[in-house]
Amino acid sequence: MASGALDKLEQLDKVEKEIVSCLYTAGQALAEIAKDKPSQKQIDLLVTQFMNSLATIDSSLTDHIKYLSQVSTGQPHEGSSYASQKVLQMAWHRLEHARTRVDVLERLKSQHATRLITPAQRQALLQQQQLQQQQQQQESQGGGGGAAVSGSSSSTPATTTTTSTS
């Protein structure tokens, strides 16, 4: 990867030197034309050098532009990490969406469960839900270990619900 980039930079450095040479040749041609008695042979030589140099520059820059267009059009490139970053970003988005859906389902489950239990059980369930919300807020703020506790406390009212309806 690094050697390919270094090769490209070296080629661009050569193109830059060729541009400097081309400008120098153009300056010499103009200086020859500005003389009182210009040499046609010298002018023709300088113009030929200028045109050859210009053709070389054009060819090199065209090759570099083709390379850059291939790299930027989504074709695999060994130095690009854009695709991996995009995959990671989409995975985080899907995870957040799944969490939101699970939260909605959890609320629906608890709303349904509250219709089937006694008022005392409903009060206990509300207290447990508030405790779970506090634990989730602590986790989202950097707390960490409350997931197992919230899972076990939410299963307790479901067991109570089953026994009270039987």
N, C-alpha and C. Protein backbone atom coordinates (compact mmCIF):
# COMPACT_ATOMS: atom_id res chain seq x y z
N MET A 1 0.82 -1.18 0.00
CA MET A 1 0.00 0.00 0.00
C MET A 1 0.87 1.25 0.00
N ALA A 2 1.84 1.32 0.89
CA ALA A 2 2.69 2.51 1.01
C ALA A 2 3.59 2.66 -0.21
N SER A 3 4.09 1.55 -0.74
CA SER A 3 4.97 1.65 -1.90
C SER A 3 4.20 2.16 -3.11
N GLY A 4 2.95 1.77 -3.28
CA GLY A 4 2.13 2.27 -4.38
C GLY A 4 1.91 3.76 -4.27
N ALA A 5 1.66 4.23 -3.06
CA ALA A 5 1.46 5.67 -2.85
C ALA A 5 2.76 6.43 -3.09
N LEU A 6 3.87 5.85 -2.65
CA LEU A 6 5.16 6.50 -2.88
C LEU A 6 5.48 6.57 -4.36
N ASP A 7 5.18 5.51 -5.10
CA ASP A 7 5.39 5.51 -6.55
C ASP A 7 4.58 6.62 -7.22
N LYS A 8 3.33 6.75 -6.80
CA LYS A 8 2.47 7.80 -7.38
C LYS A 8 3.03 9.18 -7.06
N LEU A 9 3.50 9.38 -5.84
CA LEU A 9 4.08 10.68 -5.48
C LEU A 9 5.36 10.96 -6.26
N GLU A 10 6.17 9.93 -6.47
CA GLU A 10 7.39 10.12 -7.25
C GLU A 10 7.05 10.48 -8.70
N GLN A 11 6.03 9.83 -9.25
CA GLN A 11 5.61 10.15 -10.62
C GLN A 11 5.09 11.59 -10.71
N LEU A 12 4.34 12.01 -9.71
CA LEU A 12 3.85 13.40 -9.70
C LEU A 12 5.01 14.39 -9.54
N ASP A 13 6.03 13.99 -8.79
CA ASP A 13 7.21 14.85 -8.64
C ASP A 13 7.91 15.01 -9.99
N LYS A 14 8.00 13.91 -10.75
CA LYS A 14 8.60 13.98 -12.09
C LYS A 14 7.78 14.88 -13.01
N VAL A 15 6.45 14.80 -12.90
CA VAL A 15 5.59 15.65 -13.72
C VAL A 15 5.83 17.12 -13.36
N GLU A 16 5.96 17.39 -12.08
CA GLU A 16 6.22 18.77 -11.65
C GLU A 16 7.54 19.29 -12.22
N LYS A 17 8.58 18.45 -12.19
CA LYS A 17 9.87 18.85 -12.76
C LYS A 17 9.75 19.07 -14.26
N GLU A 18 8.94 18.27 -14.91
CA GLU A 18 8.73 18.43 -16.36
C GLU A 18 8.00 19.74 -16.65
N ILE A 19 7.07 20.12 -15.79
CA ILE A 19 6.37 21.40 -15.96
C ILE A 19 7.36 22.56 -15.84
N VAL A 20 8.25 22.47 -14.84
CA VAL A 20 9.26 23.52 -14.67
C VAL A 20 10.14 23.60 -15.92
N SER A 21 10.55 22.46 -16.43
CA SER A 21 11.38 22.43 -17.64
C SER A 21 10.63 23.01 -18.83
N CYS A 22 9.35 22.70 -18.94
CA CYS A 22 8.52 23.21 -20.04
C CYS A 22 8.43 24.74 -19.98
N LEU A 23 8.22 25.26 -18.78
CA LEU A 23 8.14 26.72 -18.63
C LEU A 23 9.48 27.37 -18.94
N TYR A 24 10.57 26.74 -18.53
CA TYR A 24 11.90 27.28 -18.83
C TYR A 24 12.12 27.33 -20.34
N THR A 25 11.75 26.26 -21.04
CA THR A 25 11.91 26.21 -22.49
C THR A 25 11.05 27.29 -23.17
N ALA A 26 9.84 27.49 -22.68
CA ALA A 26 8.97 28.53 -23.24
C ALA A 26 9.60 29.90 -23.03
N GLY A 27 10.19 30.12 -21.86
CA GLY A 27 10.87 31.39 -21.59
C GLY A 27 12.03 31.61 -22.52
N GLN A 28 12.80 30.56 -22.78
CA GLN A 28 13.94 30.69 -23.70
C GLN A 28 13.45 31.02 -25.12
N ALA A 29 12.35 30.38 -25.52
CA ALA A 29 11.81 30.64 -26.87
C ALA A 29 11.35 32.08 -26.99
N LEU A 30 10.69 32.58 -25.96
CA LEU A 30 10.24 33.97 -25.99
C LEU A 30 11.43 34.94 -25.97
N ALA A 31 12.47 34.60 -25.22
CA ALA A 31 13.67 35.45 -25.19
C ALA A 31 14.34 35.47 -26.57
N GLU A 32 14.35 34.35 -27.26
CA GLU A 32 14.94 34.29 -28.60
C GLU A 32 14.13 35.12 -29.59
N ILE A 33 12.81 35.04 -29.46
CA ILE A 33 11.95 35.83 -30.36
C ILE A 33 12.12 37.32 -30.10
N ALA A 34 12.39 37.70 -28.86
CA ALA A 34 12.52 39.12 -28.50
C ALA A 34 13.84 39.73 -28.99
N LYS A 35 14.77 38.92 -29.42
CA LYS A 35 16.05 39.45 -29.91
C LYS A 35 15.85 40.24 -31.21
N ASP A 36 16.82 41.12 -31.48
CA ASP A 36 16.76 41.89 -32.72
C ASP A 36 16.85 41.00 -33.96
N LYS A 37 17.74 40.02 -33.90
CA LYS A 37 17.88 39.08 -35.01
C LYS A 37 17.70 37.65 -34.46
N PRO A 38 16.43 37.17 -34.34
CA PRO A 38 16.21 35.82 -33.80
C PRO A 38 16.66 34.74 -34.77
N SER A 39 17.14 33.65 -34.21
CA SER A 39 17.56 32.51 -35.02
C SER A 39 16.35 31.58 -35.19
N GLN A 40 15.92 31.42 -36.42
CA GLN A 40 14.76 30.57 -36.71
C GLN A 40 15.02 29.14 -36.29
N LYS A 41 16.24 28.68 -36.50
CA LYS A 41 16.62 27.32 -36.14
C LYS A 41 16.51 27.12 -34.62
N GLN A 42 16.99 28.08 -33.84
CA GLN A 42 16.92 28.00 -32.38
C GLN A 42 15.47 28.04 -31.90
N ILE A 43 14.66 28.88 -32.51
CA ILE A 43 13.24 28.99 -32.13
C ILE A 43 12.52 27.68 -32.43
N ASP A 44 12.77 27.10 -33.60
CA ASP A 44 12.15 25.83 -33.95
C ASP A 44 12.53 24.73 -32.96
N LEU A 45 13.81 24.69 -32.57
CA LEU A 45 14.29 23.70 -31.60
C LEU A 45 13.58 23.87 -30.25
N LEU A 46 13.49 25.11 -29.78
CA LEU A 46 12.85 25.37 -28.48
C LEU A 46 11.34 25.07 -28.52
N VAL A 47 10.70 25.40 -29.62
CA VAL A 47 9.26 25.10 -29.76
C VAL A 47 9.04 23.60 -29.79
N THR A 48 9.91 22.85 -30.48
CA THR A 48 9.80 21.39 -30.51
C THR A 48 9.99 20.81 -29.12
N GLN A 49 10.99 21.31 -28.37
CA GLN A 49 11.20 20.83 -26.99
C GLN A 49 9.97 21.13 -26.13
N PHE A 50 9.43 22.34 -26.30
CA PHE A 50 8.25 22.74 -25.53
C PHE A 50 7.07 21.82 -25.83
N MET A 51 6.82 21.54 -27.10
CA MET A 51 5.68 20.70 -27.50
C MET A 51 5.85 19.26 -27.00
N ASN A 52 7.08 18.72 -27.09
CA ASN A 52 7.34 17.37 -26.58
C ASN A 52 7.13 17.31 -25.07
N SER A 53 7.62 18.32 -24.38
CA SER A 53 7.47 18.37 -22.93
C SER A 53 5.99 18.48 -22.56
N LEU A 54 5.25 19.29 -23.30
CA LEU A 54 3.82 19.45 -23.05
C LEU A 54 3.07 18.14 -23.27
N ALA A 55 3.45 17.39 -24.30
CA ALA A 55 2.81 16.09 -24.57
C ALA A 55 3.09 15.11 -23.43
N THR A 56 4.31 15.10 -22.91
CA THR A 56 4.66 14.22 -21.79
C THR A 56 3.84 14.57 -20.55
N ILE A 57 3.73 15.86 -20.27
CA ILE A 57 2.95 16.31 -19.10
C ILE A 57 1.49 15.90 -19.26
N ASP A 58 0.94 16.12 -20.44
CA ASP A 58 -0.46 15.77 -20.70
C ASP A 58 -0.70 14.28 -20.50
N SER A 59 0.19 13.46 -21.02
CA SER A 59 0.06 12.01 -20.89
C SER A 59 0.12 11.58 -19.42
N SER A 60 1.08 12.10 -18.69
CA SER A 60 1.24 11.72 -17.28
C SER A 60 0.04 12.14 -16.44
N LEU A 61 -0.42 13.36 -16.65
CA LEU A 61 -1.57 13.84 -15.87
C LEU A 61 -2.84 13.08 -16.22
N THR A 62 -2.99 12.70 -17.48
CA THR A 62 -4.14 11.90 -17.89
C THR A 62 -4.12 10.55 -17.19
N ASP A 63 -2.96 9.92 -17.12
CA ASP A 63 -2.84 8.64 -16.42
C ASP A 63 -3.21 8.78 -14.94
N HIS A 64 -2.76 9.85 -14.31
CA HIS A 64 -3.08 10.07 -12.89
C HIS A 64 -4.58 10.32 -12.69
N ILE A 65 -5.18 11.04 -13.60
CA ILE A 65 -6.61 11.31 -13.50
C ILE A 65 -7.40 10.02 -13.67
N LYS A 66 -6.99 9.17 -14.59
CA LYS A 66 -7.65 7.87 -14.77
C LYS A 66 -7.55 7.04 -13.49
N TYR A 67 -6.37 7.03 -12.89
CA TYR A 67 -6.16 6.28 -11.64
C TYR A 67 -7.08 6.81 -10.54
N LEU A 68 -7.14 8.13 -10.40
CA LEU A 68 -7.97 8.73 -9.36
C LEU A 68 -9.45 8.48 -9.61
N SER A 69 -9.87 8.46 -10.86
CA SER A 69 -11.28 8.18 -11.14
C SER A 69 -11.62 6.73 -10.83
N GLN A 70 -10.69 5.81 -11.01
CA GLN A 70 -10.94 4.41 -10.65
C GLN A 70 -11.04 4.26 -9.13
N VAL A 71 -10.17 4.94 -8.42
CA VAL A 71 -10.17 4.83 -6.96
C VAL A 71 -11.43 5.44 -6.37
N SER A 72 -11.90 6.53 -6.94
CA SER A 72 -13.03 7.24 -6.36
C SER A 72 -14.39 6.71 -6.79
N THR A 73 -14.47 5.77 -7.72
CA THR A 73 -15.77 5.27 -8.19
C THR A 73 -16.23 4.03 -7.46
N GLY A 74 -15.61 3.68 -6.36
CA GLY A 74 -16.08 2.56 -5.57
C GLY A 74 -15.39 1.25 -5.90
N GLN A 75 -14.47 1.23 -6.82
CA GLN A 75 -13.74 0.00 -7.07
C GLN A 75 -12.84 -0.27 -5.88
N PRO A 76 -12.59 -1.54 -5.58
CA PRO A 76 -11.75 -1.85 -4.43
C PRO A 76 -10.37 -1.20 -4.55
N HIS A 77 -9.95 -0.65 -3.46
CA HIS A 77 -8.64 -0.01 -3.43
C HIS A 77 -8.00 -0.34 -2.09
N GLU A 78 -6.76 -0.77 -2.13
CA GLU A 78 -6.10 -1.25 -0.93
C GLU A 78 -5.91 -0.19 0.14
N GLY A 79 -5.94 1.08 -0.23
CA GLY A 79 -5.69 2.13 0.76
C GLY A 79 -6.96 2.75 1.30
N SER A 80 -8.14 2.30 0.89
CA SER A 80 -9.39 2.93 1.29
C SER A 80 -10.02 2.18 2.46
N SER A 81 -10.51 2.91 3.45
CA SER A 81 -11.21 2.30 4.58
C SER A 81 -12.65 2.77 4.63
N TYR A 82 -13.11 3.46 3.59
CA TYR A 82 -14.46 4.00 3.58
C TYR A 82 -15.51 2.91 3.70
N ALA A 83 -15.35 1.82 2.96
CA ALA A 83 -16.36 0.75 2.99
C ALA A 83 -16.49 0.16 4.38
N SER A 84 -15.39 -0.08 5.05
CA SER A 84 -15.43 -0.63 6.41
C SER A 84 -16.09 0.33 7.37
N GLN A 85 -15.81 1.60 7.24
CA GLN A 85 -16.42 2.60 8.11
C GLN A 85 -17.93 2.66 7.87
N LYS A 86 -18.33 2.56 6.63
CA LYS A 86 -19.76 2.61 6.31
C LYS A 86 -20.47 1.37 6.86
N VAL A 87 -19.86 0.21 6.77
CA VAL A 87 -20.45 -1.02 7.31
C VAL A 87 -20.62 -0.88 8.82
N LEU A 88 -19.61 -0.36 9.49
CA LEU A 88 -19.69 -0.17 10.94
C LEU A 88 -20.80 0.81 11.30
N GLN A 89 -20.89 1.90 10.58
CA GLN A 89 -21.93 2.90 10.85
C GLN A 89 -23.32 2.29 10.67
N MET A 90 -23.51 1.51 9.63
CA MET A 90 -24.81 0.88 9.40
C MET A 90 -25.12 -0.16 10.47
N ALA A 91 -24.10 -0.88 10.96
CA ALA A 91 -24.31 -1.85 12.03
C ALA A 91 -24.77 -1.14 13.31
N TRP A 92 -24.15 -0.01 13.62
CA TRP A 92 -24.57 0.75 14.81
C TRP A 92 -26.01 1.23 14.64
N HIS A 93 -26.36 1.64 13.44
CA HIS A 93 -27.72 2.10 13.17
C HIS A 93 -28.72 0.96 13.36
N ARG A 94 -28.40 -0.22 12.84
CA ARG A 94 -29.29 -1.37 13.00
C ARG A 94 -29.42 -1.77 14.47
N LEU A 95 -28.32 -1.71 15.22
CA LEU A 95 -28.35 -2.03 16.65
C LEU A 95 -29.27 -1.06 17.40
N GLU A 96 -29.15 0.21 17.11
CA GLU A 96 -30.00 1.22 17.78
C GLU A 96 -31.46 0.99 17.43
N HIS A 97 -31.73 0.65 16.17
CA HIS A 97 -33.11 0.37 15.75
C HIS A 97 -33.65 -0.86 16.48
N ALA A 98 -32.83 -1.89 16.61
CA ALA A 98 -33.27 -3.10 17.32
C ALA A 98 -33.55 -2.78 18.79
N ARG A 99 -32.72 -1.97 19.41
CA ARG A 99 -32.96 -1.59 20.81
C ARG A 99 -34.28 -0.85 20.95
N THR A 100 -34.55 0.05 20.03
CA THR A 100 -35.80 0.80 20.08
C THR A 100 -36.98 -0.14 19.94
N ARG A 101 -36.90 -1.07 19.03
CA ARG A 101 -38.00 -2.04 18.84
C ARG A 101 -38.20 -2.92 20.07
N VAL A 102 -37.13 -3.35 20.69
CA VAL A 102 -37.23 -4.17 21.90
C VAL A 102 -37.87 -3.36 23.03
N ASP A 103 -37.52 -2.09 23.16
CA ASP A 103 -38.13 -1.24 24.17
C ASP A 103 -39.64 -1.10 23.95
N VAL A 104 -40.05 -0.93 22.70
CA VAL A 104 -41.47 -0.83 22.39
C VAL A 104 -42.18 -2.12 22.75
N LEU A 105 -41.61 -3.25 22.39
CA LEU A 105 -42.21 -4.54 22.72
C LEU A 105 -42.27 -4.75 24.23
N GLU A 106 -41.27 -4.32 24.95
CA GLU A 106 -41.25 -4.44 26.41
C GLU A 106 -42.38 -3.61 27.03
N ARG A 107 -42.60 -2.40 26.51
CA ARG A 107 -43.69 -1.56 27.02
C ARG A 107 -45.04 -2.19 26.71
N LEU A 108 -45.20 -2.74 25.50
CA LEU A 108 -46.46 -3.40 25.16
C LEU A 108 -46.71 -4.60 26.07
N LYS A 109 -45.67 -5.36 26.35
CA LYS A 109 -45.80 -6.52 27.23
C LYS A 109 -46.22 -6.09 28.63
N SER A 110 -45.61 -5.06 29.14
CA SER A 110 -45.94 -4.63 30.50
C SER A 110 -47.32 -3.99 30.55
N GLN A 111 -47.75 -3.30 29.47
CA GLN A 111 -49.12 -2.76 29.45
C GLN A 111 -50.14 -3.89 29.46
N HIS A 112 -49.86 -4.93 28.69
CA HIS A 112 -50.75 -6.08 28.66
C HIS A 112 -50.76 -6.79 30.01
N ALA A 113 -49.61 -6.92 30.63
CA ALA A 113 -49.51 -7.60 31.92
C ALA A 113 -50.24 -6.82 33.01
N THR A 114 -50.25 -5.49 32.94
CA THR A 114 -50.91 -4.70 33.98
C THR A 114 -52.41 -4.84 33.93
N ARG A 115 -52.99 -5.23 32.82
CA ARG A 115 -54.44 -5.45 32.73
C ARG A 115 -54.87 -6.74 33.42
N LEU A 116 -53.94 -7.66 33.59
CA LEU A 116 -54.29 -8.98 34.12
C LEU A 116 -53.93 -9.17 35.59
N ILE A 117 -53.43 -8.17 36.26
CA ILE A 117 -52.98 -8.35 37.64
C ILE A 117 -53.78 -7.47 38.60
N THR A 118 -53.67 -7.79 39.87
CA THR A 118 -54.38 -7.04 40.92
C THR A 118 -53.72 -5.68 41.12
N PRO A 119 -54.41 -4.74 41.76
CA PRO A 119 -53.82 -3.42 42.00
C PRO A 119 -52.52 -3.47 42.80
N ALA A 120 -52.40 -4.34 43.76
CA ALA A 120 -51.15 -4.44 44.54
C ALA A 120 -50.00 -4.93 43.66
N GLN A 121 -50.29 -5.91 42.80
CA GLN A 121 -49.27 -6.41 41.89
C GLN A 121 -48.89 -5.33 40.85
N ARG A 122 -49.90 -4.55 40.43
CA ARG A 122 -49.66 -3.47 39.48
C ARG A 122 -48.71 -2.44 40.08
N GLN A 123 -48.92 -2.10 41.38
CA GLN A 123 -48.05 -1.13 42.04
C GLN A 123 -46.62 -1.67 42.12
N ALA A 124 -46.46 -2.95 42.45
CA ALA A 124 -45.12 -3.56 42.52
C ALA A 124 -44.46 -3.55 41.14
N LEU A 125 -45.26 -3.82 40.10
CA LEU A 125 -44.72 -3.83 38.73
C LEU A 125 -44.27 -2.43 38.32
N LEU A 126 -45.04 -1.42 38.65
CA LEU A 126 -44.66 -0.04 38.33
C LEU A 126 -43.36 0.34 39.03
N GLN A 127 -43.21 -0.09 40.27
CA GLN A 127 -41.98 0.20 41.00
C GLN A 127 -40.78 -0.49 40.34
N GLN A 128 -40.98 -1.73 39.91
CA GLN A 128 -39.90 -2.46 39.25
C GLN A 128 -39.55 -1.81 37.90
N GLN A 129 -40.56 -1.32 37.18
CA GLN A 129 -40.30 -0.66 35.90
C GLN A 129 -39.52 0.63 36.12
N GLN A 130 -39.88 1.37 37.15
CA GLN A 130 -39.13 2.60 37.44
C GLN A 130 -37.69 2.27 37.79
N LEU A 131 -37.48 1.21 38.56
CA LEU A 131 -36.13 0.78 38.90
C LEU A 131 -35.36 0.39 37.64
N GLN A 132 -36.02 -0.32 36.73
CA GLN A 132 -35.37 -0.71 35.47
C GLN A 132 -34.99 0.52 34.65
N GLN A 133 -35.88 1.50 34.58
CA GLN A 133 -35.58 2.71 33.83
C GLN A 133 -34.39 3.45 34.42
N GLN A 134 -34.32 3.48 35.76
CA GLN A 134 -33.18 4.13 36.40
C GLN A 134 -31.89 3.38 36.09
N GLN A 135 -31.95 2.05 36.10
CA GLN A 135 -30.76 1.25 35.78
C GLN A 135 -30.34 1.46 34.33
N GLN A 136 -31.32 1.54 33.42
CA GLN A 136 -31.00 1.77 32.01
C GLN A 136 -30.37 3.14 31.81
N GLN A 137 -30.86 4.13 32.53
CA GLN A 137 -30.27 5.46 32.43
C GLN A 137 -28.84 5.45 32.95
N GLN A 138 -28.61 4.71 34.03
CA GLN A 138 -27.25 4.60 34.57
C GLN A 138 -26.34 3.89 33.58
N GLU A 139 -26.85 2.85 32.92
CA GLU A 139 -26.06 2.12 31.92
C GLU A 139 -25.72 3.02 30.74
N SER A 140 -26.70 3.80 30.29
CA SER A 140 -26.43 4.66 29.14
C SER A 140 -25.49 5.80 29.51
N GLN A 141 -25.38 6.13 30.79
CA GLN A 141 -24.44 7.15 31.23
C GLN A 141 -23.09 6.56 31.57
N GLY A 142 -22.94 5.25 31.43
CA GLY A 142 -21.63 4.63 31.63
C GLY A 142 -21.61 3.65 32.78
N GLY A 143 -22.76 3.30 33.35
CA GLY A 143 -22.81 2.38 34.50
C GLY A 143 -22.35 1.00 34.14
N GLY A 144 -23.09 0.29 33.28
CA GLY A 144 -22.59 -0.97 32.79
C GLY A 144 -23.28 -2.21 33.25
N GLY A 145 -23.23 -2.65 34.49
CA GLY A 145 -23.56 -4.02 34.87
C GLY A 145 -24.99 -4.27 35.23
N GLY A 146 -25.97 -3.45 34.91
CA GLY A 146 -27.33 -3.66 35.37
C GLY A 146 -28.18 -4.49 34.46
N ALA A 147 -27.69 -5.02 33.35
CA ALA A 147 -28.52 -5.73 32.40
C ALA A 147 -29.05 -7.03 32.98
N ALA A 148 -28.26 -7.77 33.72
CA ALA A 148 -28.71 -9.03 34.30
C ALA A 148 -29.75 -8.77 35.36
N VAL A 149 -29.62 -7.73 36.14
CA VAL A 149 -30.56 -7.42 37.20
C VAL A 149 -31.91 -7.03 36.60
N SER A 150 -31.91 -6.22 35.56
CA SER A 150 -33.16 -5.79 34.96
C SER A 150 -33.87 -6.96 34.30
N GLY A 151 -33.14 -7.90 33.72
CA GLY A 151 -33.75 -9.06 33.11
C GLY A 151 -34.42 -9.95 34.13
N SER A 152 -33.82 -10.14 35.30
CA SER A 152 -34.39 -11.01 36.30
C SER A 152 -35.57 -10.36 36.99
N SER A 153 -35.57 -9.05 37.17
CA SER A 153 -36.68 -8.39 37.85
C SER A 153 -37.90 -8.32 36.95
N SER A 154 -37.72 -8.26 35.62
CA SER A 154 -38.87 -8.22 34.73
C SER A 154 -39.55 -9.57 34.62
N SER A 155 -38.82 -10.66 34.90
CA SER A 155 -39.45 -11.98 34.83
C SER A 155 -40.29 -12.27 36.07
N THR A 156 -40.03 -11.61 37.16
CA THR A 156 -40.76 -11.86 38.40
C THR A 156 -42.24 -11.48 38.26
N PRO A 157 -42.60 -10.30 37.71
CA PRO A 157 -44.01 -9.98 37.58
C PRO A 157 -44.73 -10.93 36.63
N ALA A 158 -44.05 -11.41 35.59
CA ALA A 158 -44.69 -12.34 34.67
C ALA A 158 -45.08 -13.62 35.38
N THR A 159 -44.24 -14.10 36.28
CA THR A 159 -44.55 -15.29 37.07
C THR A 159 -45.72 -15.00 37.99
N THR A 160 -45.73 -13.83 38.60
CA THR A 160 -46.81 -13.43 39.49
C THR A 160 -48.10 -13.32 38.71
N THR A 161 -48.03 -12.81 37.51
CA THR A 161 -49.21 -12.67 36.66
C THR A 161 -49.81 -14.03 36.34
N THR A 162 -48.97 -14.99 36.05
CA THR A 162 -49.44 -16.32 35.71
C THR A 162 -50.14 -16.96 36.89
N THR A 163 -49.57 -16.80 38.09
CA THR A 163 -50.16 -17.44 39.25
C THR A 163 -51.46 -16.75 39.70
N SER A 164 -51.60 -15.44 39.45
CA SER A 164 -52.79 -14.74 39.89
C SER A 164 -53.97 -15.02 38.99
N THR A 165 -53.74 -15.33 37.71
CA THR A 165 -54.83 -15.60 36.78
C THR A 165 -55.26 -17.05 36.84
N SER A 166 -54.51 -17.91 37.44
CA SER A 166 -54.85 -19.33 37.46
C SER A 166 -55.94 -19.64 38.45
